Amino acid sequence: MRKFNPRDPNFLPLVPEPGAEKVDLRHQMMDERKNAEEWMLDCALRQVVDKLAPARKKKVALLVEAFEAVMPNPKCDTRLRNSSGFAHGGRIQACS
């Protein structure tokens, strides 16, 4: 059987070094905020897609409707095209 040799613990010094390293965490906070915003948008899109999925719509139309439900609508101006350069008169939408 070996003898037990208790040693005093090796603690770190309580007095901080005068040239201690200073770390700026601003970029980390911005990354966390950006990730949180992306997660919230992703979560909202998933909820809308899950809600609309039973309607058995096409995937593209489903995603367009999901984005329209989540993203704010810009102020749009809808006008008729009356120019002679177009073969058929249709509606165009100009967003500002």
PDB file of N, CA and C in Angstrom:
ATOM      1  N   MET A   1       0.831  -1.175   0.000  1.00  0.00           N
ATOM      2  CA  MET A   1       0.000   0.000   0.000  1.00  0.00           C
ATOM      3  C   MET A   1       0.882   1.247   0.000  1.00  0.00           C
ATOM      4  N   ARG A   2       0.493   2.235  -0.883  1.00  0.00           N
ATOM      5  CA  ARG A   2       1.280   3.459  -0.989  1.00  0.00           C
ATOM      6  C   ARG A   2       0.907   4.438   0.109  1.00  0.00           C
ATOM      7  N   LYS A   3       1.858   5.277   0.404  1.00  0.00           N
ATOM      8  CA  LYS A   3       1.584   6.313   1.392  1.00  0.00           C
ATOM      9  C   LYS A   3       0.869   7.469   0.705  1.00  0.00           C
ATOM     10  N   PHE A   4      -0.068   8.051   1.394  1.00  0.00           N
ATOM     11  CA  PHE A   4      -0.812   9.202   0.883  1.00  0.00           C
ATOM     12  C   PHE A   4      -0.022  10.457   1.215  1.00  0.00           C
ATOM     13  N   ASN A   5       0.311  11.244   0.192  1.00  0.00           N
ATOM     14  CA  ASN A   5       1.098  12.456   0.377  1.00  0.00           C
ATOM     15  C   ASN A   5       0.226  13.663   0.042  1.00  0.00           C
ATOM     16  N   PRO A   6      -0.502  14.225   1.003  1.00  0.00           N
ATOM     17  CA  PRO A   6      -1.356  15.385   0.715  1.00  0.00           C
ATOM     18  C   PRO A   6      -0.502  16.632   0.456  1.00  0.00           C
ATOM     19  N   ARG A   7      -0.869  17.338  -0.623  1.00  0.00           N
ATOM     20  CA  ARG A   7      -0.183  18.590  -0.946  1.00  0.00           C
ATOM     21  C   ARG A   7      -1.176  19.736  -0.825  1.00  0.00           C
ATOM     22  N   ASP A   8      -0.628  20.904  -0.593  1.00  0.00           N
ATOM     23  CA  ASP A   8      -1.479  22.090  -0.565  1.00  0.00           C
ATOM     24  C   ASP A   8      -1.980  22.360  -1.985  1.00  0.00           C
ATOM     25  N   PRO A   9      -3.239  22.851  -2.123  1.00  0.00           N
ATOM     26  CA  PRO A   9      -3.753  23.146  -3.462  1.00  0.00           C
ATOM     27  C   PRO A   9      -2.981  24.300  -4.104  1.00  0.00           C
ATOM     28  N   ASN A  10      -2.871  24.254  -5.408  1.00  0.00           N
ATOM     29  CA  ASN A  10      -2.153  25.279  -6.161  1.00  0.00           C
ATOM     30  C   ASN A  10      -3.186  26.267  -6.715  1.00  0.00           C
ATOM     31  N   PHE A  11      -3.532  27.272  -5.928  1.00  0.00           N
ATOM     32  CA  PHE A  11      -4.529  28.258  -6.323  1.00  0.00           C
ATOM     33  C   PHE A  11      -3.912  29.315  -7.229  1.00  0.00           C
ATOM     34  N   LEU A  12      -4.757  29.917  -8.065  1.00  0.00           N
ATOM     35  CA  LEU A  12      -4.325  31.044  -8.877  1.00  0.00           C
ATOM     36  C   LEU A  12      -4.198  32.271  -7.994  1.00  0.00           C
ATOM     37  N   PRO A  13      -3.344  33.206  -8.373  1.00  0.00           N
ATOM     38  CA  PRO A  13      -3.195  34.411  -7.543  1.00  0.00           C
ATOM     39  C   PRO A  13      -4.492  35.227  -7.526  1.00  0.00           C
ATOM     40  N   LEU A  14      -4.803  35.791  -6.370  1.00  0.00           N
ATOM     41  CA  LEU A  14      -6.017  36.577  -6.214  1.00  0.00           C
ATOM     42  C   LEU A  14      -5.880  37.970  -6.813  1.00  0.00           C
ATOM     43  N   VAL A  15      -4.676  38.476  -6.917  1.00  0.00           N
ATOM     44  CA  VAL A  15      -4.451  39.810  -7.459  1.00  0.00           C
ATOM     45  C   VAL A  15      -4.320  39.685  -8.979  1.00  0.00           C
ATOM     46  N   PRO A  16      -5.175  40.414  -9.737  1.00  0.00           N
ATOM     47  CA  PRO A  16      -5.073  40.316 -11.200  1.00  0.00           C
ATOM     48  C   PRO A  16      -3.784  40.961 -11.701  1.00  0.00           C
ATOM     49  N   GLU A  17      -3.321  40.460 -12.813  1.00  0.00           N
ATOM     50  CA  GLU A  17      -2.105  41.006 -13.407  1.00  0.00           C
ATOM     51  C   GLU A  17      -2.381  42.419 -13.914  1.00  0.00           C
ATOM     52  N   PRO A  18      -1.394  43.310 -13.859  1.00  0.00           N
ATOM     53  CA  PRO A  18      -1.636  44.693 -14.309  1.00  0.00           C
ATOM     54  C   PRO A  18      -1.908  44.784 -15.810  1.00  0.00           C
ATOM     55  N   GLY A  19      -1.367  43.904 -16.608  1.00  0.00           N
ATOM     56  CA  GLY A  19      -1.575  43.952 -18.056  1.00  0.00           C
ATOM     57  C   GLY A  19      -2.572  42.893 -18.504  1.00  0.00           C
ATOM     58  N   ALA A  20      -3.644  42.737 -17.752  1.00  0.00           N
ATOM     59  CA  ALA A  20      -4.626  41.705 -18.083  1.00  0.00           C
ATOM     60  C   ALA A  20      -5.263  41.986 -19.436  1.00  0.00           C
ATOM     61  N   GLU A  21      -5.611  40.932 -20.117  1.00  0.00           N
ATOM     62  CA  GLU A  21      -6.193  41.050 -21.457  1.00  0.00           C
ATOM     63  C   GLU A  21      -7.633  41.546 -21.365  1.00  0.00           C
ATOM     64  N   LYS A  22      -7.960  42.500 -22.234  1.00  0.00           N
ATOM     65  CA  LYS A  22      -9.315  43.037 -22.288  1.00  0.00           C
ATOM     66  C   LYS A  22      -9.971  42.503 -23.558  1.00  0.00           C
ATOM     67  N   VAL A  23     -11.161  41.947 -23.420  1.00  0.00           N
ATOM     68  CA  VAL A  23     -11.856  41.327 -24.544  1.00  0.00           C
ATOM     69  C   VAL A  23     -13.122  42.112 -24.837  1.00  0.00           C
ATOM     70  N   ASP A  24     -13.314  42.462 -26.103  1.00  0.00           N
ATOM     71  CA  ASP A  24     -14.521  43.164 -26.531  1.00  0.00           C
ATOM     72  C   ASP A  24     -15.514  42.135 -27.052  1.00  0.00           C
ATOM     73  N   LEU A  25     -16.655  42.016 -26.406  1.00  0.00           N
ATOM     74  CA  LEU A  25     -17.650  41.007 -26.763  1.00  0.00           C
ATOM     75  C   LEU A  25     -18.761  41.562 -27.637  1.00  0.00           C
ATOM     76  N   ARG A  26     -18.603  42.772 -28.152  1.00  0.00           N
ATOM     77  CA  ARG A  26     -19.658  43.393 -28.939  1.00  0.00           C
ATOM     78  C   ARG A  26     -19.988  42.564 -30.185  1.00  0.00           C
ATOM     79  N   HIS A  27     -18.956  42.074 -30.887  1.00  0.00           N
ATOM     80  CA  HIS A  27     -19.213  41.288 -32.097  1.00  0.00           C
ATOM     81  C   HIS A  27     -19.926  39.987 -31.768  1.00  0.00           C
ATOM     82  N   GLN A  28     -19.627  39.402 -30.608  1.00  0.00           N
ATOM     83  CA  GLN A  28     -20.320  38.173 -30.210  1.00  0.00           C
ATOM     84  C   GLN A  28     -21.788  38.453 -29.917  1.00  0.00           C
ATOM     85  N   MET A  29     -22.076  39.589 -29.276  1.00  0.00           N
ATOM     86  CA  MET A  29     -23.467  39.936 -28.987  1.00  0.00           C
ATOM     87  C   MET A  29     -24.231  40.188 -30.279  1.00  0.00           C
ATOM     88  N   MET A  30     -23.591  40.827 -31.261  1.00  0.00           N
ATOM     89  CA  MET A  30     -24.246  41.073 -32.546  1.00  0.00           C
ATOM     90  C   MET A  30     -24.522  39.761 -33.269  1.00  0.00           C
ATOM     91  N   ASP A  31     -23.568  38.822 -33.216  1.00  0.00           N
ATOM     92  CA  ASP A  31     -23.776  37.512 -33.840  1.00  0.00           C
ATOM     93  C   ASP A  31     -24.928  36.776 -33.176  1.00  0.00           C
ATOM     94  N   GLU A  32     -24.996  36.851 -31.838  1.00  0.00           N
ATOM     95  CA  GLU A  32     -26.089  36.189 -31.122  1.00  0.00           C
ATOM     96  C   GLU A  32     -27.434  36.809 -31.501  1.00  0.00           C
ATOM     97  N   ARG A  33     -27.485  38.145 -31.607  1.00  0.00           N
ATOM     98  CA  ARG A  33     -28.723  38.825 -31.976  1.00  0.00           C
ATOM     99  C   ARG A  33     -29.132  38.447 -33.398  1.00  0.00           C
ATOM    100  N   LYS A  34     -28.151  38.402 -34.309  1.00  0.00           N
ATOM    101  CA  LYS A  34     -28.435  38.032 -35.699  1.00  0.00           C
ATOM    102  C   LYS A  34     -28.954  36.597 -35.772  1.00  0.00           C
ATOM    103  N   ASN A  35     -28.325  35.696 -35.043  1.00  0.00           N
ATOM    104  CA  ASN A  35     -28.777  34.303 -35.026  1.00  0.00           C
ATOM    105  C   ASN A  35     -30.175  34.190 -34.441  1.00  0.00           C
ATOM    106  N   ALA A  36     -30.481  34.982 -33.415  1.00  0.00           N
ATOM    107  CA  ALA A  36     -31.812  34.949 -32.810  1.00  0.00           C
ATOM    108  C   ALA A  36     -32.860  35.463 -33.794  1.00  0.00           C
ATOM    109  N   GLU A  37     -32.541  36.538 -34.528  1.00  0.00           N
ATOM    110  CA  GLU A  37     -33.488  37.072 -35.514  1.00  0.00           C
ATOM    111  C   GLU A  37     -33.721  36.072 -36.636  1.00  0.00           C
ATOM    112  N   GLU A  38     -32.643  35.421 -37.105  1.00  0.00           N
ATOM    113  CA  GLU A  38     -32.793  34.414 -38.156  1.00  0.00           C
ATOM    114  C   GLU A  38     -33.629  33.245 -37.654  1.00  0.00           C
ATOM    115  N   TRP A  39     -33.409  32.850 -36.388  1.00  0.00           N
ATOM    116  CA  TRP A  39     -34.167  31.742 -35.826  1.00  0.00           C
ATOM    117  C   TRP A  39     -35.645  32.103 -35.726  1.00  0.00           C
ATOM    118  N   MET A  40     -35.945  33.339 -35.290  1.00  0.00           N
ATOM    119  CA  MET A  40     -37.348  33.743 -35.168  1.00  0.00           C
ATOM    120  C   MET A  40     -38.030  33.761 -36.529  1.00  0.00           C
ATOM    121  N   LEU A  41     -37.349  34.273 -37.555  1.00  0.00           N
ATOM    122  CA  LEU A  41     -37.911  34.293 -38.901  1.00  0.00           C
ATOM    123  C   LEU A  41     -38.112  32.871 -39.409  1.00  0.00           C
ATOM    124  N   ASP A  42     -37.121  32.012 -39.184  1.00  0.00           N
ATOM    125  CA  ASP A  42     -37.223  30.620 -39.615  1.00  0.00           C
ATOM    126  C   ASP A  42     -38.379  29.923 -38.899  1.00  0.00           C
ATOM    127  N   CYS A  43     -38.512  30.174 -37.609  1.00  0.00           N
ATOM    128  CA  CYS A  43     -39.590  29.564 -36.828  1.00  0.00           C
ATOM    129  C   CYS A  43     -40.949  30.047 -37.322  1.00  0.00           C
ATOM    130  N   ALA A  44     -41.074  31.340 -37.589  1.00  0.00           N
ATOM    131  CA  ALA A  44     -42.346  31.883 -38.078  1.00  0.00           C
ATOM    132  C   ALA A  44     -42.694  31.300 -39.442  1.00  0.00           C
ATOM    133  N   LEU A  45     -41.690  31.175 -40.321  1.00  0.00           N
ATOM    134  CA  LEU A  45     -41.941  30.577 -41.637  1.00  0.00           C
ATOM    135  C   LEU A  45     -42.380  29.124 -41.504  1.00  0.00           C
ATOM    136  N   ARG A  46     -41.729  28.381 -40.617  1.00  0.00           N
ATOM    137  CA  ARG A  46     -42.113  26.976 -40.426  1.00  0.00           C
ATOM    138  C   ARG A  46     -43.544  26.862 -39.904  1.00  0.00           C
ATOM    139  N   GLN A  47     -43.916  27.744 -38.982  1.00  0.00           N
ATOM    140  CA  GLN A  47     -45.281  27.700 -38.456  1.00  0.00           C
ATOM    141  C   GLN A  47     -46.293  27.965 -39.558  1.00  0.00           C
ATOM    142  N   VAL A  48     -46.030  28.959 -40.399  1.00  0.00           N
ATOM    143  CA  VAL A  48     -46.961  29.281 -41.481  1.00  0.00           C
ATOM    144  C   VAL A  48     -47.016  28.142 -42.488  1.00  0.00           C
ATOM    145  N   VAL A  49     -45.860  27.569 -42.833  1.00  0.00           N
ATOM    146  CA  VAL A  49     -45.835  26.458 -43.787  1.00  0.00           C
ATOM    147  C   VAL A  49     -46.573  25.253 -43.215  1.00  0.00           C
ATOM    148  N   ASP A  50     -46.353  24.961 -41.930  1.00  0.00           N
ATOM    149  CA  ASP A  50     -47.058  23.834 -41.312  1.00  0.00           C
ATOM    150  C   ASP A  50     -48.564  24.066 -41.295  1.00  0.00           C
ATOM    151  N   LYS A  51     -48.958  25.317 -41.076  1.00  0.00           N
ATOM    152  CA  LYS A  51     -50.386  25.634 -41.044  1.00  0.00           C
ATOM    153  C   LYS A  51     -51.009  25.508 -42.430  1.00  0.00           C
ATOM    154  N   LEU A  52     -50.263  25.912 -43.458  1.00  0.00           N
ATOM    155  CA  LEU A  52     -50.801  25.892 -44.811  1.00  0.00           C
ATOM    156  C   LEU A  52     -50.594  24.555 -45.520  1.00  0.00           C
ATOM    157  N   ALA A  53     -49.763  23.685 -44.997  1.00  0.00           N
ATOM    158  CA  ALA A  53     -49.441  22.422 -45.667  1.00  0.00           C
ATOM    159  C   ALA A  53     -50.661  21.534 -45.909  1.00  0.00           C
ATOM    160  N   PRO A  54     -51.620  21.426 -45.007  1.00  0.00           N
ATOM    161  CA  PRO A  54     -52.768  20.557 -45.283  1.00  0.00           C
ATOM    162  C   PRO A  54     -53.589  20.990 -46.498  1.00  0.00           C
ATOM    163  N   ALA A  55     -53.429  22.204 -46.948  1.00  0.00           N
ATOM    164  CA  ALA A  55     -54.179  22.669 -48.111  1.00  0.00           C
ATOM    165  C   ALA A  55     -53.660  22.033 -49.402  1.00  0.00           C
ATOM    166  N   ARG A  56     -52.525  21.338 -49.338  1.00  0.00           N
ATOM    167  CA  ARG A  56     -51.914  20.627 -50.472  1.00  0.00           C
ATOM    168  C   ARG A  56     -51.665  21.546 -51.668  1.00  0.00           C
ATOM    169  N   LYS A  57     -51.099  22.702 -51.379  1.00  0.00           N
ATOM    170  CA  LYS A  57     -50.755  23.635 -52.451  1.00  0.00           C
ATOM    171  C   LYS A  57     -49.378  23.268 -52.990  1.00  0.00           C
ATOM    172  N   LYS A  58     -49.026  23.866 -54.101  1.00  0.00           N
ATOM    173  CA  LYS A  58     -47.689  23.665 -54.645  1.00  0.00           C
ATOM    174  C   LYS A  58     -46.677  24.297 -53.704  1.00  0.00           C
ATOM    175  N   LYS A  59     -45.469  23.759 -53.702  1.00  0.00           N
ATOM    176  CA  LYS A  59     -44.445  24.231 -52.775  1.00  0.00           C
ATOM    177  C   LYS A  59     -44.095  25.698 -52.986  1.00  0.00           C
ATOM    178  N   VAL A  60     -43.949  26.126 -54.225  1.00  0.00           N
ATOM    179  CA  VAL A  60     -43.569  27.519 -54.492  1.00  0.00           C
ATOM    180  C   VAL A  60     -44.659  28.463 -54.012  1.00  0.00           C
ATOM    181  N   ALA A  61     -45.908  28.149 -54.339  1.00  0.00           N
ATOM    182  CA  ALA A  61     -47.016  28.999 -53.906  1.00  0.00           C
ATOM    183  C   ALA A  61     -47.111  29.013 -52.386  1.00  0.00           C
ATOM    184  N   LEU A  62     -46.821  27.882 -51.764  1.00  0.00           N
ATOM    185  CA  LEU A  62     -46.856  27.776 -50.310  1.00  0.00           C
ATOM    186  C   LEU A  62     -45.772  28.653 -49.685  1.00  0.00           C
ATOM    187  N   LEU A  63     -44.571  28.617 -50.236  1.00  0.00           N
ATOM    188  CA  LEU A  63     -43.490  29.444 -49.706  1.00  0.00           C
ATOM    189  C   LEU A  63     -43.752  30.928 -49.929  1.00  0.00           C
ATOM    190  N   VAL A  64     -44.303  31.284 -51.074  1.00  0.00           N
ATOM    191  CA  VAL A  64     -44.636  32.691 -51.339  1.00  0.00           C
ATOM    192  C   VAL A  64     -45.654  33.179 -50.325  1.00  0.00           C
ATOM    193  N   GLU A  65     -46.660  32.378 -50.070  1.00  0.00           N
ATOM    194  CA  GLU A  65     -47.684  32.768 -49.098  1.00  0.00           C
ATOM    195  C   GLU A  65     -47.099  32.861 -47.696  1.00  0.00           C
ATOM    196  N   ALA A  66     -46.161  31.966 -47.357  1.00  0.00           N
ATOM    197  CA  ALA A  66     -45.518  32.011 -46.044  1.00  0.00           C
ATOM    198  C   ALA A  66     -44.696  33.285 -45.892  1.00  0.00           C
ATOM    199  N   PHE A  67     -43.924  33.649 -46.921  1.00  0.00           N
ATOM    200  CA  PHE A  67     -43.135  34.878 -46.849  1.00  0.00           C
ATOM    201  C   PHE A  67     -44.032  36.105 -46.781  1.00  0.00           C
ATOM    202  N   GLU A  68     -45.141  36.095 -47.510  1.00  0.00           N
ATOM    203  CA  GLU A  68     -46.057  37.233 -47.455  1.00  0.00           C
ATOM    204  C   GLU A  68     -46.677  37.363 -46.075  1.00  0.00           C
ATOM    205  N   ALA A  69     -46.877  36.245 -45.387  1.00  0.00           N
ATOM    206  CA  ALA A  69     -47.459  36.292 -44.047  1.00  0.00           C
ATOM    207  C   ALA A  69     -46.452  36.808 -43.024  1.00  0.00           C
ATOM    208  N   VAL A  70     -45.157  36.563 -43.253  1.00  0.00           N
ATOM    209  CA  VAL A  70     -44.136  36.930 -42.274  1.00  0.00           C
ATOM    210  C   VAL A  70     -43.536  38.303 -42.545  1.00  0.00           C
ATOM    211  N   MET A  71     -43.246  38.598 -43.804  1.00  0.00           N
ATOM    212  CA  MET A  71     -42.571  39.843 -44.157  1.00  0.00           C
ATOM    213  C   MET A  71     -43.589  40.980 -44.281  1.00  0.00           C
ATOM    214  N   PRO A  72     -43.185  42.196 -43.874  1.00  0.00           N
ATOM    215  CA  PRO A  72     -44.104  43.330 -44.020  1.00  0.00           C
ATOM    216  C   PRO A  72     -44.286  43.678 -45.494  1.00  0.00           C
ATOM    217  N   ASN A  73     -45.480  44.103 -45.841  1.00  0.00           N
ATOM    218  CA  ASN A  73     -45.779  44.476 -47.225  1.00  0.00           C
ATOM    219  C   ASN A  73     -45.266  45.882 -47.501  1.00  0.00           C
ATOM    220  N   PRO A  74     -44.485  46.079 -48.585  1.00  0.00           N
ATOM    221  CA  PRO A  74     -44.063  47.440 -48.937  1.00  0.00           C
ATOM    222  C   PRO A  74     -45.235  48.186 -49.560  1.00  0.00           C
ATOM    223  N   LYS A  75     -45.132  49.503 -49.536  1.00  0.00           N
ATOM    224  CA  LYS A  75     -46.174  50.303 -50.183  1.00  0.00           C
ATOM    225  C   LYS A  75     -46.025  50.128 -51.684  1.00  0.00           C
ATOM    226  N   CYS A  76     -47.041  49.597 -52.327  1.00  0.00           N
ATOM    227  CA  CYS A  76     -46.968  49.300 -53.758  1.00  0.00           C
ATOM    228  C   CYS A  76     -47.996  50.116 -54.523  1.00  0.00           C
ATOM    229  N   ASP A  77     -47.668  50.403 -55.766  1.00  0.00           N
ATOM    230  CA  ASP A  77     -48.542  51.150 -56.654  1.00  0.00           C
ATOM    231  C   ASP A  77     -48.837  50.260 -57.854  1.00  0.00           C
ATOM    232  N   THR A  78     -50.093  49.884 -58.025  1.00  0.00           N
ATOM    233  CA  THR A  78     -50.478  49.020 -59.132  1.00  0.00           C
ATOM    234  C   THR A  78     -51.073  49.872 -60.237  1.00  0.00           C
ATOM    235  N   ARG A  79     -50.537  49.726 -61.443  1.00  0.00           N
ATOM    236  CA  ARG A  79     -51.008  50.502 -62.591  1.00  0.00           C
ATOM    237  C   ARG A  79     -51.205  49.580 -63.782  1.00  0.00           C
ATOM    238  N   LEU A  80     -52.005  50.046 -64.728  1.00  0.00           N
ATOM    239  CA  LEU A  80     -52.165  49.325 -65.991  1.00  0.00           C
ATOM    240  C   LEU A  80     -51.102  49.798 -66.956  1.00  0.00           C
ATOM    241  N   ARG A  81     -50.587  48.859 -67.753  1.00  0.00           N
ATOM    242  CA  ARG A  81     -49.613  49.224 -68.775  1.00  0.00           C
ATOM    243  C   ARG A  81     -50.374  49.613 -70.034  1.00  0.00           C
ATOM    244  N   ASN A  82     -50.243  50.846 -70.463  1.00  0.00           N
ATOM    245  CA  ASN A  82     -50.933  51.322 -71.657  1.00  0.00           C
ATOM    246  C   ASN A  82     -49.950  51.676 -72.759  1.00  0.00           C
ATOM    247  N   SER A  83     -48.707  51.316 -72.597  1.00  0.00           N
ATOM    248  CA  SER A  83     -47.698  51.672 -73.584  1.00  0.00           C
ATOM    249  C   SER A  83     -47.888  50.850 -74.846  1.00  0.00           C
ATOM    250  N   SER A  84     -47.597  51.455 -75.976  1.00  0.00           N
ATOM    251  CA  SER A  84     -47.737  50.741 -77.242  1.00  0.00           C
ATOM    252  C   SER A  84     -46.613  49.729 -77.429  1.00  0.00           C
ATOM    253  N   GLY A  85     -45.588  49.761 -76.581  1.00  0.00           N
ATOM    254  CA  GLY A  85     -44.485  48.821 -76.684  1.00  0.00           C
ATOM    255  C   GLY A  85     -44.854  47.430 -76.213  1.00  0.00           C
ATOM    256  N   PHE A  86     -45.964  47.304 -75.496  1.00  0.00           N
ATOM    257  CA  PHE A  86     -46.384  45.999 -74.990  1.00  0.00           C
ATOM    258  C   PHE A  86     -47.468  45.435 -75.892  1.00  0.00           C
ATOM    259  N   ALA A  87     -47.407  44.149 -76.147  1.00  0.00           N
ATOM    260  CA  ALA A  87     -48.381  43.510 -77.028  1.00  0.00           C
ATOM    261  C   ALA A  87     -49.741  43.387 -76.346  1.00  0.00           C
ATOM    262  N   HIS A  88     -49.735  43.143 -75.042  1.00  0.00           N
ATOM    263  CA  HIS A  88     -51.007  43.010 -74.334  1.00  0.00           C
ATOM    264  C   HIS A  88     -50.973  43.896 -73.093  1.00  0.00           C
ATOM    265  N   GLY A  89     -52.102  44.456 -72.765  1.00  0.00           N
ATOM    266  CA  GLY A  89     -52.176  45.330 -71.598  1.00  0.00           C
ATOM    267  C   GLY A  89     -52.365  44.495 -70.344  1.00  0.00           C
ATOM    268  N   GLY A  90     -51.434  44.576 -69.442  1.00  0.00           N
ATOM    269  CA  GLY A  90     -51.531  43.819 -68.195  1.00  0.00           C
ATOM    270  C   GLY A  90     -51.254  44.723 -67.018  1.00  0.00           C
ATOM    271  N   ARG A  91     -51.343  44.165 -65.837  1.00  0.00           N
ATOM    272  CA  ARG A  91     -51.085  44.951 -64.636  1.00  0.00           C
ATOM    273  C   ARG A  91     -49.615  44.814 -64.257  1.00  0.00           C
ATOM    274  N   ILE A  92     -49.035  45.910 -63.837  1.00  0.00           N
ATOM    275  CA  ILE A  92     -47.687  45.873 -63.291  1.00  0.00           C
ATOM    276  C   ILE A  92     -47.760  46.447 -61.894  1.00  0.00           C
ATOM    277  N   GLN A  93     -46.782  46.083 -61.082  1.00  0.00           N
ATOM    278  CA  GLN A  93     -46.778  46.550 -59.716  1.00  0.00           C
ATOM    279  C   GLN A  93     -45.437  47.212 -59.451  1.00  0.00           C
ATOM    280  N   ALA A  94     -45.476  48.464 -59.030  1.00  0.00           N
ATOM    281  CA  ALA A  94     -44.251  49.194 -58.716  1.00  0.00           C
ATOM    282  C   ALA A  94     -44.183  49.389 -57.219  1.00  0.00           C
ATOM    283  N   CYS A  95     -43.110  48.931 -56.613  1.00  0.00           N
ATOM    284  CA  CYS A  95     -42.944  49.050 -55.168  1.00  0.00           C
ATOM    285  C   CYS A  95     -41.892  50.099 -54.866  1.00  0.00           C
ATOM    286  N   SER A  96     -42.149  50.861 -53.818  1.00  0.00           N
ATOM    287  CA  SER A  96     -41.168  51.880 -53.435  1.00  0.00           C
ATOM    288  C   SER A  96     -40.413  51.440 -52.216  1.00  0.00           C
TER     289      SER A  96
END
